Protein backbone atom coordinates (compact mmCIF):
# COMPACT_ATOMS: atom_id res chain seq x y z
CA MET A 1 27.14 10.95 -20.59
CA ARG A 2 25.48 10.92 -16.65
CA PHE A 3 24.34 8.53 -15.31
CA GLY A 4 20.90 9.66 -14.46
CA GLU A 5 20.38 9.88 -17.65
CA VAL A 6 19.34 6.58 -18.73
CA LEU A 7 17.21 5.18 -15.71
CA LYS A 8 14.25 4.52 -17.05
CA THR A 9 10.84 6.57 -15.11
CA LYS A 10 7.21 6.16 -14.68
CA ALA A 11 7.25 8.79 -18.51
CA ASN A 12 8.86 5.59 -19.50
CA GLU A 13 6.64 2.94 -18.86
CA GLY A 14 4.84 1.40 -20.95
CA LYS A 15 1.80 -1.87 -20.88
CA GLU A 16 4.56 -4.14 -18.52
CA LYS A 17 5.80 -3.58 -15.04
CA HIS A 18 8.67 -2.33 -14.15
CA VAL A 19 8.62 1.35 -11.91
CA PRO A 20 9.61 0.20 -8.21
CA VAL A 21 6.98 1.16 -5.80
CA ILE A 22 8.69 2.17 -1.99
CA GLU A 23 5.64 0.96 0.76
CA ILE A 24 6.69 1.92 4.44
CA GLN A 25 5.26 -0.74 6.66
CA ARG A 26 4.66 -1.25 10.46
CA CYS A 27 7.28 -4.22 11.68
CA ALA A 28 5.73 -5.56 15.40
CA GLU A 29 9.29 -6.60 15.73
CA CYS A 30 11.99 -4.18 14.36
CA GLY A 31 9.02 -1.45 14.06
CA GLU A 32 9.70 -0.29 10.49
CA ASP A 33 9.82 -2.69 6.50
CA VAL A 34 10.05 -0.69 3.35
CA VAL A 35 8.80 -3.24 0.85
CA VAL A 36 9.79 -2.54 -2.73
CA THR A 37 7.37 -4.43 -4.84
CA ILE A 38 7.35 -4.25 -9.22
CA VAL A 39 4.04 -4.97 -9.52
CA GLY A 40 1.83 -4.36 -12.97
CA LYS A 41 -1.81 -4.85 -11.89
CA GLU A 42 -3.10 -4.34 -15.40
CA THR A 43 0.14 -6.15 -17.27
CA PRO A 44 2.64 -7.67 -14.98
CA HIS A 45 6.11 -7.73 -15.29
CA PRO A 46 6.99 -11.38 -17.44
CA ASN A 47 9.22 -12.29 -14.87
CA THR A 48 10.96 -15.18 -17.48
CA THR A 49 14.52 -16.16 -17.52
CA GLU A 50 14.16 -14.44 -20.98
CA HIS A 51 12.25 -11.21 -19.18
CA HIS A 52 12.55 -10.46 -15.70
CA ILE A 53 14.20 -8.55 -12.91
CA LYS A 54 17.89 -8.93 -11.56
CA TRP A 55 18.37 -7.29 -9.27
CA ILE A 56 16.85 -4.34 -6.60
CA GLN A 57 19.22 -1.83 -4.86
CA LEU A 58 17.69 0.49 -2.26
CA TYR A 59 19.49 3.73 -0.95
CA GLY A 60 18.26 6.26 1.58
CA LEU A 61 18.87 9.77 1.95
CA LYS A 62 19.54 11.19 5.54
CA LYS A 63 17.84 14.67 6.84
CA ASP A 64 21.78 15.78 6.22
CA ASN A 65 21.80 14.71 2.22
CA GLN A 66 24.20 12.07 2.78
CA LEU A 67 23.11 9.41 0.71
CA LEU A 68 23.31 5.64 2.37
CA HIS A 69 23.28 2.49 -0.12
CA LEU A 70 20.25 0.33 2.13
CA GLY A 71 20.86 -3.02 0.33
CA THR A 72 21.11 -4.73 -3.05
CA PHE A 73 18.81 -7.49 -3.14
CA GLY A 74 19.55 -10.51 -6.36
CA LEU A 75 16.36 -12.08 -8.25
CA GLY A 76 16.80 -13.41 -11.04
CA PRO A 77 15.83 -14.80 -13.35
CA VAL A 78 12.31 -16.47 -11.96
CA TYR A 79 8.90 -16.60 -12.21
CA THR A 80 7.76 -14.90 -9.76
CA ALA A 81 6.61 -11.12 -8.79
CA PRO A 82 9.74 -9.89 -7.50
CA GLU A 83 9.46 -7.62 -4.35
CA VAL A 84 11.95 -7.48 -1.45
CA THR A 85 11.48 -6.67 1.92
CA ALA A 86 13.93 -4.66 4.42
CA HIS A 87 13.67 -4.02 7.40
CA LEU A 88 15.40 -0.50 8.22
CA LYS A 89 14.67 2.55 11.13
CA THR A 90 13.49 5.12 8.98
CA ALA A 91 13.78 8.22 11.73
CA GLU A 92 16.82 9.35 10.12
CA LEU A 93 16.18 9.43 6.06
CA LYS A 94 14.16 11.71 4.41
CA THR A 95 13.58 10.47 1.20
CA ILE A 96 14.20 6.15 -0.26
CA PHE A 97 15.26 5.56 -3.44
CA ALA A 98 14.63 2.36 -5.60
CA LEU A 99 16.51 0.65 -8.62
CA ALA A 100 15.71 -2.73 -10.52
CA TYR A 101 16.87 -3.48 -13.39
CA CYS A 102 14.98 -5.52 -15.84
CA ASN A 103 17.51 -7.20 -18.06
CA ILE A 104 16.04 -6.39 -21.51
CA HIS A 105 14.98 -2.63 -20.56
CA GLY A 106 17.59 -1.03 -18.66
CA VAL A 107 17.65 0.57 -15.44
CA TRP A 108 14.06 1.97 -13.26
CA GLU A 109 13.76 4.82 -10.61
CA ASN A 110 11.73 5.70 -8.43
CA SER A 111 11.23 7.42 -4.43
CA LEU A 112 10.03 8.12 -1.64
CA GLU A 113 9.90 11.72 0.81
CA ILE A 114 8.87 9.96 4.04
C-alpha cells in the first residue's frame, strides 16, 4: 500500500468539513501569503478535544518538479476554526499542496495550481 492510497479528498467528505482550502492573498509586507483553512459553511469541523484538526502541512511543487516541504503547523486540540497563514514566495512554484490530519477521520488533501 502507498501513502497516497489513504489520503482523502472532497469525494470522501461527508457532512463535516475536512478538506483544506488553499487561497493565495497579497501581503503588503512580503508580497504573498498562502492561507489554508478548514471551514465548513454548512457543517463546520467540530474542533473539540475529542474531534479536531491536529496539524496542517504545506508542500510546494517547483516548476522543475522539485517537491519542497513548506511548513508543518501544529493545531490541536483547539476550539476554533483551523487556519494557518504562511508567507511564501510562490514565483518558482507551480502547485501548492495541503494536508490536514483529523484525529478521527485521517489525512485529507487538496492542491492549488498557481
